[in-house]
Amino acid sequence: MRYSEGRTVGLYTKVSPEEKAVIDQKMALLGTMNLRAYLRKMAVDGYIVQLDMGSVAELVKLLRSISSNVNQIARRCNETRNIYAQDVEDLRRGYAQIWEGINALLKKFEAL
């Protein structure tokens, strides 16, 4: 498309040398050499991904809790050679919560 075909508004910006290097690397990954076309395509069709890390933090918290429970149960088993049904059920519930959270995150990633 030529300027005479509708592109009459100029957009100008400056970038740092580091930002330019990143742009060059991304262009190389795409196999394009035309900076104007690349920047126009990214500005018009590109999108920004903003991740909600709160979900990940909650999963990490659950993992730490379960890890602590597993360690306590392992210590008790080593001392008494017994494992209690309630301990196993608590672990099952914790693992189920983690998998629910992971599946929810994966669905969000798929939607991107």
PDB file of N, CA and C in Angstrom:
ATOM      1  N   MET A   1       0.853  -1.183   0.000  1.00  0.00           N
ATOM      2  CA  MET A   1       0.000   0.000   0.000  1.00  0.00           C
ATOM      3  C   MET A   1       0.892   1.237   0.000  1.00  0.00           C
ATOM      4  N   ARG A   2       0.618   2.135  -0.850  1.00  0.00           N
ATOM      5  CA  ARG A   2       1.389   3.375  -0.965  1.00  0.00           C
ATOM      6  C   ARG A   2       0.673   4.486  -0.207  1.00  0.00           C
ATOM      7  N   TYR A   3       1.411   5.580   0.061  1.00  0.00           N
ATOM      8  CA  TYR A   3       0.803   6.717   0.753  1.00  0.00           C
ATOM      9  C   TYR A   3      -0.443   7.197   0.020  1.00  0.00           C
ATOM     10  N   SER A   4      -0.391   7.132  -1.277  1.00  0.00           N
ATOM     11  CA  SER A   4      -1.549   7.587  -2.050  1.00  0.00           C
ATOM     12  C   SER A   4      -2.746   6.670  -1.869  1.00  0.00           C
ATOM     13  N   GLU A   5      -2.534   5.495  -1.244  1.00  0.00           N
ATOM     14  CA  GLU A   5      -3.610   4.544  -1.036  1.00  0.00           C
ATOM     15  C   GLU A   5      -4.218   4.656   0.360  1.00  0.00           C
ATOM     16  N   GLY A   6      -3.969   5.735   1.065  1.00  0.00           N
ATOM     17  CA  GLY A   6      -4.637   5.936   2.342  1.00  0.00           C
ATOM     18  C   GLY A   6      -3.747   6.161   3.543  1.00  0.00           C
ATOM     19  N   ARG A   7      -2.478   5.865   3.468  1.00  0.00           N
ATOM     20  CA  ARG A   7      -1.597   6.071   4.614  1.00  0.00           C
ATOM     21  C   ARG A   7      -1.028   7.480   4.561  1.00  0.00           C
ATOM     22  N   THR A   8      -1.715   8.376   5.224  1.00  0.00           N
ATOM     23  CA  THR A   8      -1.297   9.773   5.181  1.00  0.00           C
ATOM     24  C   THR A   8      -0.929  10.328   6.550  1.00  0.00           C
ATOM     25  N   VAL A   9      -1.150   9.560   7.614  1.00  0.00           N
ATOM     26  CA  VAL A   9      -0.862  10.022   8.972  1.00  0.00           C
ATOM     27  C   VAL A   9       0.474   9.436   9.409  1.00  0.00           C
ATOM     28  N   GLY A  10       1.406  10.309   9.756  1.00  0.00           N
ATOM     29  CA  GLY A  10       2.712   9.852  10.202  1.00  0.00           C
ATOM     30  C   GLY A  10       2.734   9.663  11.713  1.00  0.00           C
ATOM     31  N   LEU A  11       3.350   8.587  12.165  1.00  0.00           N
ATOM     32  CA  LEU A  11       3.572   8.340  13.593  1.00  0.00           C
ATOM     33  C   LEU A  11       5.072   8.225  13.793  1.00  0.00           C
ATOM     34  N   TYR A  12       5.598   8.964  14.751  1.00  0.00           N
ATOM     35  CA  TYR A  12       7.033   8.987  14.965  1.00  0.00           C
ATOM     36  C   TYR A  12       7.331   8.745  16.440  1.00  0.00           C
ATOM     37  N   THR A  13       8.388   7.994  16.701  1.00  0.00           N
ATOM     38  CA  THR A  13       8.800   7.737  18.071  1.00  0.00           C
ATOM     39  C   THR A  13      10.289   7.436  18.093  1.00  0.00           C
ATOM     40  N   LYS A  14      10.878   7.544  19.245  1.00  0.00           N
ATOM     41  CA  LYS A  14      12.280   7.199  19.418  1.00  0.00           C
ATOM     42  C   LYS A  14      12.366   6.023  20.379  1.00  0.00           C
ATOM     43  N   VAL A  15      13.392   5.199  20.199  1.00  0.00           N
ATOM     44  CA  VAL A  15      13.633   4.070  21.094  1.00  0.00           C
ATOM     45  C   VAL A  15      15.085   4.105  21.542  1.00  0.00           C
ATOM     46  N   SER A  16      15.364   3.415  22.625  1.00  0.00           N
ATOM     47  CA  SER A  16      16.738   3.317  23.115  1.00  0.00           C
ATOM     48  C   SER A  16      17.492   2.294  22.261  1.00  0.00           C
ATOM     49  N   PRO A  17      18.809   2.300  22.328  1.00  0.00           N
ATOM     50  CA  PRO A  17      19.572   1.282  21.587  1.00  0.00           C
ATOM     51  C   PRO A  17      19.196  -0.143  22.001  1.00  0.00           C
ATOM     52  N   GLU A  18      18.906  -0.324  23.286  1.00  0.00           N
ATOM     53  CA  GLU A  18      18.514  -1.649  23.773  1.00  0.00           C
ATOM     54  C   GLU A  18      17.170  -2.068  23.186  1.00  0.00           C
ATOM     55  N   GLU A  19      16.215  -1.133  23.162  1.00  0.00           N
ATOM     56  CA  GLU A  19      14.907  -1.432  22.576  1.00  0.00           C
ATOM     57  C   GLU A  19      15.036  -1.741  21.086  1.00  0.00           C
ATOM     58  N   LYS A  20      15.888  -0.983  20.392  1.00  0.00           N
ATOM     59  CA  LYS A  20      16.103  -1.223  18.960  1.00  0.00           C
ATOM     60  C   LYS A  20      16.687  -2.613  18.742  1.00  0.00           C
ATOM     61  N   ALA A  21      17.602  -3.027  19.610  1.00  0.00           N
ATOM     62  CA  ALA A  21      18.201  -4.362  19.484  1.00  0.00           C
ATOM     63  C   ALA A  21      17.139  -5.445  19.652  1.00  0.00           C
ATOM     64  N   VAL A  22      16.228  -5.250  20.603  1.00  0.00           N
ATOM     65  CA  VAL A  22      15.141  -6.214  20.803  1.00  0.00           C
ATOM     66  C   VAL A  22      14.233  -6.256  19.578  1.00  0.00           C
ATOM     67  N   ILE A  23      13.906  -5.103  19.044  1.00  0.00           N
ATOM     68  CA  ILE A  23      13.077  -5.035  17.832  1.00  0.00           C
ATOM     69  C   ILE A  23      13.768  -5.780  16.693  1.00  0.00           C
ATOM     70  N   ASP A  24      15.072  -5.536  16.532  1.00  0.00           N
ATOM     71  CA  ASP A  24      15.831  -6.213  15.477  1.00  0.00           C
ATOM     72  C   ASP A  24      15.816  -7.729  15.662  1.00  0.00           C
ATOM     73  N   GLN A  25      15.958  -8.178  16.903  1.00  0.00           N
ATOM     74  CA  GLN A  25      15.938  -9.624  17.180  1.00  0.00           C
ATOM     75  C   GLN A  25      14.583 -10.225  16.826  1.00  0.00           C
ATOM     76  N   LYS A  26      13.511  -9.535  17.195  1.00  0.00           N
ATOM     77  CA  LYS A  26      12.171 -10.045  16.894  1.00  0.00           C
ATOM     78  C   LYS A  26      11.909 -10.056  15.393  1.00  0.00           C
ATOM     79  N   MET A  27      12.396  -9.039  14.710  1.00  0.00           N
ATOM     80  CA  MET A  27      12.246  -9.012  13.254  1.00  0.00           C
ATOM     81  C   MET A  27      13.002 -10.172  12.627  1.00  0.00           C
ATOM     82  N   ALA A  28      14.203 -10.457  13.135  1.00  0.00           N
ATOM     83  CA  ALA A  28      15.007 -11.563  12.603  1.00  0.00           C
ATOM     84  C   ALA A  28      14.289 -12.897  12.827  1.00  0.00           C
ATOM     85  N   LEU A  29      13.667 -13.045  13.987  1.00  0.00           N
ATOM     86  CA  LEU A  29      12.920 -14.278  14.265  1.00  0.00           C
ATOM     87  C   LEU A  29      11.788 -14.479  13.264  1.00  0.00           C
ATOM     88  N   LEU A  30      11.179 -13.379  12.842  1.00  0.00           N
ATOM     89  CA  LEU A  30      10.087 -13.450  11.875  1.00  0.00           C
ATOM     90  C   LEU A  30      10.591 -13.504  10.439  1.00  0.00           C
ATOM     91  N   GLY A  31      11.858 -13.228  10.251  1.00  0.00           N
ATOM     92  CA  GLY A  31      12.433 -13.247   8.912  1.00  0.00           C
ATOM     93  C   GLY A  31      12.051 -12.047   8.070  1.00  0.00           C
ATOM     94  N   THR A  32      11.804 -10.917   8.715  1.00  0.00           N
ATOM     95  CA  THR A  32      11.456  -9.701   7.976  1.00  0.00           C
ATOM     96  C   THR A  32      12.571  -8.673   8.107  1.00  0.00           C
ATOM     97  N   MET A  33      12.730  -7.887   7.064  1.00  0.00           N
ATOM     98  CA  MET A  33      13.743  -6.842   7.070  1.00  0.00           C
ATOM     99  C   MET A  33      13.113  -5.452   7.027  1.00  0.00           C
ATOM    100  N   ASN A  34      11.804  -5.386   6.787  1.00  0.00           N
ATOM    101  CA  ASN A  34      11.113  -4.108   6.603  1.00  0.00           C
ATOM    102  C   ASN A  34      10.611  -3.605   7.955  1.00  0.00           C
ATOM    103  N   LEU A  35      11.342  -2.660   8.545  1.00  0.00           N
ATOM    104  CA  LEU A  35      11.006  -2.139   9.867  1.00  0.00           C
ATOM    105  C   LEU A  35       9.635  -1.477   9.872  1.00  0.00           C
ATOM    106  N   ARG A  36       9.340  -0.682   8.877  1.00  0.00           N
ATOM    107  CA  ARG A  36       8.040  -0.002   8.836  1.00  0.00           C
ATOM    108  C   ARG A  36       6.891  -1.001   8.805  1.00  0.00           C
ATOM    109  N   ALA A  37       7.016  -2.002   7.967  1.00  0.00           N
ATOM    110  CA  ALA A  37       5.947  -3.006   7.869  1.00  0.00           C
ATOM    111  C   ALA A  37       5.800  -3.764   9.184  1.00  0.00           C
ATOM    112  N   TYR A  38       6.931  -4.112   9.812  1.00  0.00           N
ATOM    113  CA  TYR A  38       6.903  -4.826  11.085  1.00  0.00           C
ATOM    114  C   TYR A  38       6.216  -3.991  12.168  1.00  0.00           C
ATOM    115  N   LEU A  39       6.636  -2.743  12.310  1.00  0.00           N
ATOM    116  CA  LEU A  39       6.063  -1.874  13.343  1.00  0.00           C
ATOM    117  C   LEU A  39       4.580  -1.617  13.087  1.00  0.00           C
ATOM    118  N   ARG A  40       4.211  -1.419  11.837  1.00  0.00           N
ATOM    119  CA  ARG A  40       2.800  -1.195  11.495  1.00  0.00           C
ATOM    120  C   ARG A  40       1.980  -2.438  11.835  1.00  0.00           C
ATOM    121  N   LYS A  41       2.489  -3.609  11.461  1.00  0.00           N
ATOM    122  CA  LYS A  41       1.784  -4.863  11.717  1.00  0.00           C
ATOM    123  C   LYS A  41       1.621  -5.089  13.226  1.00  0.00           C
ATOM    124  N   MET A  42       2.660  -4.842  14.004  1.00  0.00           N
ATOM    125  CA  MET A  42       2.586  -5.025  15.453  1.00  0.00           C
ATOM    126  C   MET A  42       1.643  -4.013  16.093  1.00  0.00           C
ATOM    127  N   ALA A  43       1.652  -2.777  15.608  1.00  0.00           N
ATOM    128  CA  ALA A  43       0.784  -1.745  16.180  1.00  0.00           C
ATOM    129  C   ALA A  43      -0.684  -2.026  15.870  1.00  0.00           C
ATOM    130  N   VAL A  44      -0.960  -2.547  14.703  1.00  0.00           N
ATOM    131  CA  VAL A  44      -2.342  -2.768  14.294  1.00  0.00           C
ATOM    132  C   VAL A  44      -2.852  -4.132  14.744  1.00  0.00           C
ATOM    133  N   ASP A  45      -2.048  -5.183  14.542  1.00  0.00           N
ATOM    134  CA  ASP A  45      -2.520  -6.544  14.792  1.00  0.00           C
ATOM    135  C   ASP A  45      -1.946  -7.184  16.045  1.00  0.00           C
ATOM    136  N   GLY A  46      -0.892  -6.604  16.585  1.00  0.00           N
ATOM    137  CA  GLY A  46      -0.268  -7.186  17.767  1.00  0.00           C
ATOM    138  C   GLY A  46      -1.163  -7.023  18.983  1.00  0.00           C
ATOM    139  N   TYR A  47      -0.879  -7.772  20.012  1.00  0.00           N
ATOM    140  CA  TYR A  47      -1.658  -7.646  21.237  1.00  0.00           C
ATOM    141  C   TYR A  47      -0.749  -7.758  22.447  1.00  0.00           C
ATOM    142  N   ILE A  48      -1.234  -7.266  23.543  1.00  0.00           N
ATOM    143  CA  ILE A  48      -0.484  -7.269  24.791  1.00  0.00           C
ATOM    144  C   ILE A  48      -1.067  -8.348  25.686  1.00  0.00           C
ATOM    145  N   VAL A  49      -0.210  -9.157  26.257  1.00  0.00           N
ATOM    146  CA  VAL A  49      -0.643 -10.191  27.180  1.00  0.00           C
ATOM    147  C   VAL A  49      -0.319  -9.703  28.590  1.00  0.00           C
ATOM    148  N   GLN A  50      -1.348  -9.562  29.388  1.00  0.00           N
ATOM    149  CA  GLN A  50      -1.161  -9.149  30.772  1.00  0.00           C
ATOM    150  C   GLN A  50      -1.601 -10.308  31.649  1.00  0.00           C
ATOM    151  N   LEU A  51      -0.657 -10.920  32.332  1.00  0.00           N
ATOM    152  CA  LEU A  51      -0.942 -12.101  33.137  1.00  0.00           C
ATOM    153  C   LEU A  51      -1.328 -11.701  34.554  1.00  0.00           C
ATOM    154  N   ASP A  52      -2.326 -12.384  35.080  1.00  0.00           N
ATOM    155  CA  ASP A  52      -2.723 -12.214  36.467  1.00  0.00           C
ATOM    156  C   ASP A  52      -1.943 -13.228  37.285  1.00  0.00           C
ATOM    157  N   MET A  53      -0.881 -12.779  37.924  1.00  0.00           N
ATOM    158  CA  MET A  53      -0.019 -13.686  38.667  1.00  0.00           C
ATOM    159  C   MET A  53      -0.592 -14.049  40.031  1.00  0.00           C
ATOM    160  N   GLY A  54      -1.727 -13.472  40.400  1.00  0.00           N
ATOM    161  CA  GLY A  54      -2.374 -13.823  41.661  1.00  0.00           C
ATOM    162  C   GLY A  54      -2.752 -15.289  41.709  1.00  0.00           C
ATOM    163  N   SER A  55      -3.211 -15.822  40.575  1.00  0.00           N
ATOM    164  CA  SER A  55      -3.573 -17.236  40.503  1.00  0.00           C
ATOM    165  C   SER A  55      -2.349 -18.114  40.702  1.00  0.00           C
ATOM    166  N   VAL A  56      -1.248 -17.728  40.109  1.00  0.00           N
ATOM    167  CA  VAL A  56      -0.022 -18.500  40.252  1.00  0.00           C
ATOM    168  C   VAL A  56       0.474 -18.434  41.699  1.00  0.00           C
ATOM    169  N   ALA A  57       0.388 -17.276  42.300  1.00  0.00           N
ATOM    170  CA  ALA A  57       0.814 -17.127  43.699  1.00  0.00           C
ATOM    171  C   ALA A  57      -0.023 -18.012  44.612  1.00  0.00           C
ATOM    172  N   GLU A  58      -1.319 -18.103  44.337  1.00  0.00           N
ATOM    173  CA  GLU A  58      -2.200 -18.968  45.141  1.00  0.00           C
ATOM    174  C   GLU A  58      -1.814 -20.435  44.961  1.00  0.00           C
ATOM    175  N   LEU A  59      -1.483 -20.828  43.743  1.00  0.00           N
ATOM    176  CA  LEU A  59      -1.054 -22.210  43.503  1.00  0.00           C
ATOM    177  C   LEU A  59       0.255 -22.508  44.220  1.00  0.00           C
ATOM    178  N   VAL A  60       1.172 -21.559  44.221  1.00  0.00           N
ATOM    179  CA  VAL A  60       2.440 -21.742  44.925  1.00  0.00           C
ATOM    180  C   VAL A  60       2.179 -21.905  46.421  1.00  0.00           C
ATOM    181  N   LYS A  61       1.266 -21.126  46.945  1.00  0.00           N
ATOM    182  CA  LYS A  61       0.904 -21.220  48.367  1.00  0.00           C
ATOM    183  C   LYS A  61       0.346 -22.608  48.683  1.00  0.00           C
ATOM    184  N   LEU A  62      -0.531 -23.105  47.806  1.00  0.00           N
ATOM    185  CA  LEU A  62      -1.085 -24.448  47.999  1.00  0.00           C
ATOM    186  C   LEU A  62       0.005 -25.516  47.924  1.00  0.00           C
ATOM    187  N   LEU A  63       0.915 -25.369  46.980  1.00  0.00           N
ATOM    188  CA  LEU A  63       2.012 -26.338  46.858  1.00  0.00           C
ATOM    189  C   LEU A  63       2.885 -26.357  48.107  1.00  0.00           C
ATOM    190  N   ARG A  64       3.167 -25.182  48.645  1.00  0.00           N
ATOM    191  CA  ARG A  64       3.973 -25.121  49.876  1.00  0.00           C
ATOM    192  C   ARG A  64       3.248 -25.811  51.026  1.00  0.00           C
ATOM    193  N   SER A  65       1.955 -25.586  51.105  1.00  0.00           N
ATOM    194  CA  SER A  65       1.163 -26.201  52.172  1.00  0.00           C
ATOM    195  C   SER A  65       1.180 -27.719  52.057  1.00  0.00           C
ATOM    196  N   ILE A  66       0.974 -28.209  50.845  1.00  0.00           N
ATOM    197  CA  ILE A  66       0.969 -29.658  50.647  1.00  0.00           C
ATOM    198  C   ILE A  66       2.353 -30.242  50.896  1.00  0.00           C
ATOM    199  N   SER A  67       3.379 -29.540  50.463  1.00  0.00           N
ATOM    200  CA  SER A  67       4.744 -30.000  50.697  1.00  0.00           C
ATOM    201  C   SER A  67       5.018 -30.129  52.190  1.00  0.00           C
ATOM    202  N   SER A  68       4.560 -29.145  52.935  1.00  0.00           N
ATOM    203  CA  SER A  68       4.720 -29.188  54.390  1.00  0.00           C
ATOM    204  C   SER A  68       3.965 -30.383  54.975  1.00  0.00           C
ATOM    205  N   ASN A  69       2.738 -30.608  54.488  1.00  0.00           N
ATOM    206  CA  ASN A  69       1.950 -31.747  54.973  1.00  0.00           C
ATOM    207  C   ASN A  69       2.640 -33.067  54.655  1.00  0.00           C
ATOM    208  N   VAL A  70       3.171 -33.194  53.447  1.00  0.00           N
ATOM    209  CA  VAL A  70       3.869 -34.424  53.061  1.00  0.00           C
ATOM    210  C   VAL A  70       5.067 -34.652  53.972  1.00  0.00           C
ATOM    211  N   ASN A  71       5.823 -33.610  54.260  1.00  0.00           N
ATOM    212  CA  ASN A  71       6.983 -33.750  55.148  1.00  0.00           C
ATOM    213  C   ASN A  71       6.563 -34.187  56.553  1.00  0.00           C
ATOM    214  N   GLN A  72       5.487 -33.613  57.063  1.00  0.00           N
ATOM    215  CA  GLN A  72       5.009 -33.998  58.398  1.00  0.00           C
ATOM    216  C   GLN A  72       4.555 -35.453  58.419  1.00  0.00           C
ATOM    217  N   ILE A  73       3.845 -35.849  57.369  1.00  0.00           N
ATOM    218  CA  ILE A  73       3.363 -37.231  57.299  1.00  0.00           C
ATOM    219  C   ILE A  73       4.549 -38.194  57.165  1.00  0.00           C
ATOM    220  N   ALA A  74       5.536 -37.840  56.364  1.00  0.00           N
ATOM    221  CA  ALA A  74       6.716 -38.689  56.201  1.00  0.00           C
ATOM    222  C   ALA A  74       7.451 -38.847  57.527  1.00  0.00           C
ATOM    223  N   ARG A  75       7.590 -37.748  58.277  1.00  0.00           N
ATOM    224  CA  ARG A  75       8.238 -37.844  59.597  1.00  0.00           C
ATOM    225  C   ARG A  75       7.477 -38.784  60.519  1.00  0.00           C
ATOM    226  N   ARG A  76       6.144 -38.626  60.540  1.00  0.00           N
ATOM    227  CA  ARG A  76       5.325 -39.468  61.403  1.00  0.00           C
ATOM    228  C   ARG A  76       5.415 -40.931  60.982  1.00  0.00           C
ATOM    229  N   CYS A  77       5.399 -41.192  59.682  1.00  0.00           N
ATOM    230  CA  CYS A  77       5.513 -42.566  59.186  1.00  0.00           C
ATOM    231  C   CYS A  77       6.854 -43.175  59.577  1.00  0.00           C
ATOM    232  N   ASN A  78       7.902 -42.390  59.481  1.00  0.00           N
ATOM    233  CA  ASN A  78       9.222 -42.895  59.863  1.00  0.00           C
ATOM    234  C   ASN A  78       9.296 -43.193  61.357  1.00  0.00           C
ATOM    235  N   GLU A  79       8.583 -42.402  62.162  1.00  0.00           N
ATOM    236  CA  GLU A  79       8.618 -42.603  63.613  1.00  0.00           C
ATOM    237  C   GLU A  79       7.707 -43.737  64.056  1.00  0.00           C
ATOM    238  N   THR A  80       6.501 -43.794  63.520  1.00  0.00           N
ATOM    239  CA  THR A  80       5.498 -44.750  64.016  1.00  0.00           C
ATOM    240  C   THR A  80       5.227 -45.903  63.058  1.00  0.00           C
ATOM    241  N   ARG A  81       5.693 -45.801  61.820  1.00  0.00           N
ATOM    242  CA  ARG A  81       5.419 -46.783  60.774  1.00  0.00           C
ATOM    243  C   ARG A  81       3.926 -46.878  60.452  1.00  0.00           C
ATOM    244  N   ASN A  82       3.177 -45.794  60.721  1.00  0.00           N
ATOM    245  CA  ASN A  82       1.745 -45.736  60.435  1.00  0.00           C
ATOM    246  C   ASN A  82       1.432 -44.497  59.603  1.00  0.00           C
ATOM    247  N   ILE A  83       0.400 -44.614  58.767  1.00  0.00           N
ATOM    248  CA  ILE A  83      -0.129 -43.462  58.047  1.00  0.00           C
ATOM    249  C   ILE A  83      -1.635 -43.456  58.268  1.00  0.00           C
ATOM    250  N   TYR A  84      -2.186 -42.301  58.491  1.00  0.00           N
ATOM    251  CA  TYR A  84      -3.599 -42.192  58.815  1.00  0.00           C
ATOM    252  C   TYR A  84      -4.428 -41.856  57.591  1.00  0.00           C
ATOM    253  N   ALA A  85      -5.619 -42.405  57.532  1.00  0.00           N
ATOM    254  CA  ALA A  85      -6.518 -42.182  56.395  1.00  0.00           C
ATOM    255  C   ALA A  85      -6.817 -40.695  56.225  1.00  0.00           C
ATOM    256  N   GLN A  86      -6.953 -39.977  57.331  1.00  0.00           N
ATOM    257  CA  GLN A  86      -7.242 -38.534  57.245  1.00  0.00           C
ATOM    258  C   GLN A  86      -6.098 -37.785  56.581  1.00  0.00           C
ATOM    259  N   ASP A  87      -4.860 -38.197  56.864  1.00  0.00           N
ATOM    260  CA  ASP A  87      -3.701 -37.566  56.218  1.00  0.00           C
ATOM    261  C   ASP A  87      -3.762 -37.758  54.700  1.00  0.00           C
ATOM    262  N   VAL A  88      -4.070 -38.973  54.293  1.00  0.00           N
ATOM    263  CA  VAL A  88      -4.151 -39.263  52.861  1.00  0.00           C
ATOM    264  C   VAL A  88      -5.280 -38.448  52.231  1.00  0.00           C
ATOM    265  N   GLU A  89      -6.413 -38.349  52.897  1.00  0.00           N
ATOM    266  CA  GLU A  89      -7.545 -37.584  52.367  1.00  0.00           C
ATOM    267  C   GLU A  89      -7.208 -36.103  52.267  1.00  0.00           C
ATOM    268  N   ASP A  90      -6.516 -35.574  53.262  1.00  0.00           N
ATOM    269  CA  ASP A  90      -6.089 -34.167  53.212  1.00  0.00           C
ATOM    270  C   ASP A  90      -5.182 -33.916  52.003  1.00  0.00           C
ATOM    271  N   LEU A  91      -4.261 -34.837  51.756  1.00  0.00           N
ATOM    272  CA  LEU A  91      -3.382 -34.694  50.595  1.00  0.00           C
ATOM    273  C   LEU A  91      -4.169 -34.770  49.298  1.00  0.00           C
ATOM    274  N   ARG A  92      -5.111 -35.684  49.212  1.00  0.00           N
ATOM    275  CA  ARG A  92      -5.943 -35.795  47.999  1.00  0.00           C
ATOM    276  C   ARG A  92      -6.700 -34.501  47.731  1.00  0.00           C
ATOM    277  N   ARG A  93      -7.275 -33.933  48.778  1.00  0.00           N
ATOM    278  CA  ARG A  93      -8.002 -32.662  48.617  1.00  0.00           C
ATOM    279  C   ARG A  93      -7.070 -31.551  48.146  1.00  0.00           C
ATOM    280  N   GLY A  94      -5.887 -31.489  48.741  1.00  0.00           N
ATOM    281  CA  GLY A  94      -4.922 -30.469  48.349  1.00  0.00           C
ATOM    282  C   GLY A  94      -4.484 -30.618  46.901  1.00  0.00           C
ATOM    283  N   TYR A  95      -4.195 -31.842  46.501  1.00  0.00           N
ATOM    284  CA  TYR A  95      -3.804 -32.079  45.104  1.00  0.00           C
ATOM    285  C   TYR A  95      -4.950 -31.740  44.158  1.00  0.00           C
ATOM    286  N   ALA A  96      -6.169 -32.046  44.544  1.00  0.00           N
ATOM    287  CA  ALA A  96      -7.331 -31.720  43.704  1.00  0.00           C
ATOM    288  C   ALA A  96      -7.446 -30.209  43.524  1.00  0.00           C
ATOM    289  N   GLN A  97      -7.223 -29.446  44.592  1.00  0.00           N
ATOM    290  CA  GLN A  97      -7.274 -27.987  44.497  1.00  0.00           C
ATOM    291  C   GLN A  97      -6.202 -27.466  43.547  1.00  0.00           C
ATOM    292  N   ILE A  98      -5.012 -28.027  43.655  1.00  0.00           N
ATOM    293  CA  ILE A  98      -3.922 -27.587  42.783  1.00  0.00           C
ATOM    294  C   ILE A  98      -4.257 -27.879  41.332  1.00  0.00           C
ATOM    295  N   TRP A  99      -4.748 -29.080  41.049  1.00  0.00           N
ATOM    296  CA  TRP A  99      -5.076 -29.422  39.663  1.00  0.00           C
ATOM    297  C   TRP A  99      -6.202 -28.561  39.126  1.00  0.00           C
ATOM    298  N   GLU A 100      -7.165 -28.236  39.955  1.00  0.00           N
ATOM    299  CA  GLU A 100      -8.233 -27.321  39.517  1.00  0.00           C
ATOM    300  C   GLU A 100      -7.641 -25.972  39.123  1.00  0.00           C
ATOM    301  N   GLY A 101      -6.735 -25.474  39.949  1.00  0.00           N
ATOM    302  CA  GLY A 101      -6.090 -24.193  39.663  1.00  0.00           C
ATOM    303  C   GLY A 101      -5.246 -24.243  38.409  1.00  0.00           C
ATOM    304  N   ILE A 102      -4.504 -25.314  38.239  1.00  0.00           N
ATOM    305  CA  ILE A 102      -3.667 -25.456  37.045  1.00  0.00           C
ATOM    306  C   ILE A 102      -4.536 -25.550  35.800  1.00  0.00           C
ATOM    307  N   ASN A 103      -5.609 -26.328  35.856  1.00  0.00           N
ATOM    308  CA  ASN A 103      -6.511 -26.440  34.707  1.00  0.00           C
ATOM    309  C   ASN A 103      -7.141 -25.095  34.362  1.00  0.00           C
ATOM    310  N   ALA A 104      -7.505 -24.316  35.381  1.00  0.00           N
ATOM    311  CA  ALA A 104      -8.079 -22.988  35.134  1.00  0.00           C
ATOM    312  C   ALA A 104      -7.051 -22.088  34.445  1.00  0.00           C
ATOM    313  N   LEU A 105      -5.791 -22.145  34.903  1.00  0.00           N
ATOM    314  CA  LEU A 105      -4.738 -21.347  34.268  1.00  0.00           C
ATOM    315  C   LEU A 105      -4.518 -21.773  32.823  1.00  0.00           C
ATOM    316  N   LEU A 106      -4.496 -23.072  32.588  1.00  0.00           N
ATOM    317  CA  LEU A 106      -4.301 -23.554  31.216  1.00  0.00           C
ATOM    318  C   LEU A 106      -5.423 -23.092  30.294  1.00  0.00           C
ATOM    319  N   LYS A 107      -6.634 -23.088  30.795  1.00  0.00           N
ATOM    320  CA  LYS A 107      -7.759 -22.608  29.984  1.00  0.00           C
ATOM    321  C   LYS A 107      -7.598 -21.126  29.652  1.00  0.00           C
ATOM    322  N   LYS A 108      -7.104 -20.345  30.624  1.00  0.00           N
ATOM    323  CA  LYS A 108      -6.856 -18.932  30.367  1.00  0.00           C
ATOM    324  C   LYS A 108      -5.764 -18.754  29.313  1.00  0.00           C
ATOM    325  N   PHE A 109      -4.711 -19.574  29.390  1.00  0.00           N
ATOM    326  CA  PHE A 109      -3.637 -19.497  28.407  1.00  0.00           C
ATOM    327  C   PHE A 109      -4.141 -19.866  27.019  1.00  0.00           C
ATOM    328  N   GLU A 110      -4.998 -20.880  26.942  1.00  0.00           N
ATOM    329  CA  GLU A 110      -5.555 -21.288  25.654  1.00  0.00           C
ATOM    330  C   GLU A 110      -6.368 -20.184  25.029  1.00  0.00           C
ATOM    331  N   ALA A 111      -6.999 -19.362  25.857  1.00  0.00           N
ATOM    332  CA  ALA A 111      -7.857 -18.288  25.347  1.00  0.00           C
ATOM    333  C   ALA A 111      -7.046 -17.114  24.789  1.00  0.00           C
ATOM    334  N   LEU A 112      -5.749 -17.071  25.064  1.00  0.00           N
ATOM    335  CA  LEU A 112      -4.929 -15.943  24.588  1.00  0.00           C
ATOM    336  C   LEU A 112      -4.787 -15.955  23.089  1.00  0.00           C
TER     337      LEU A 112
END
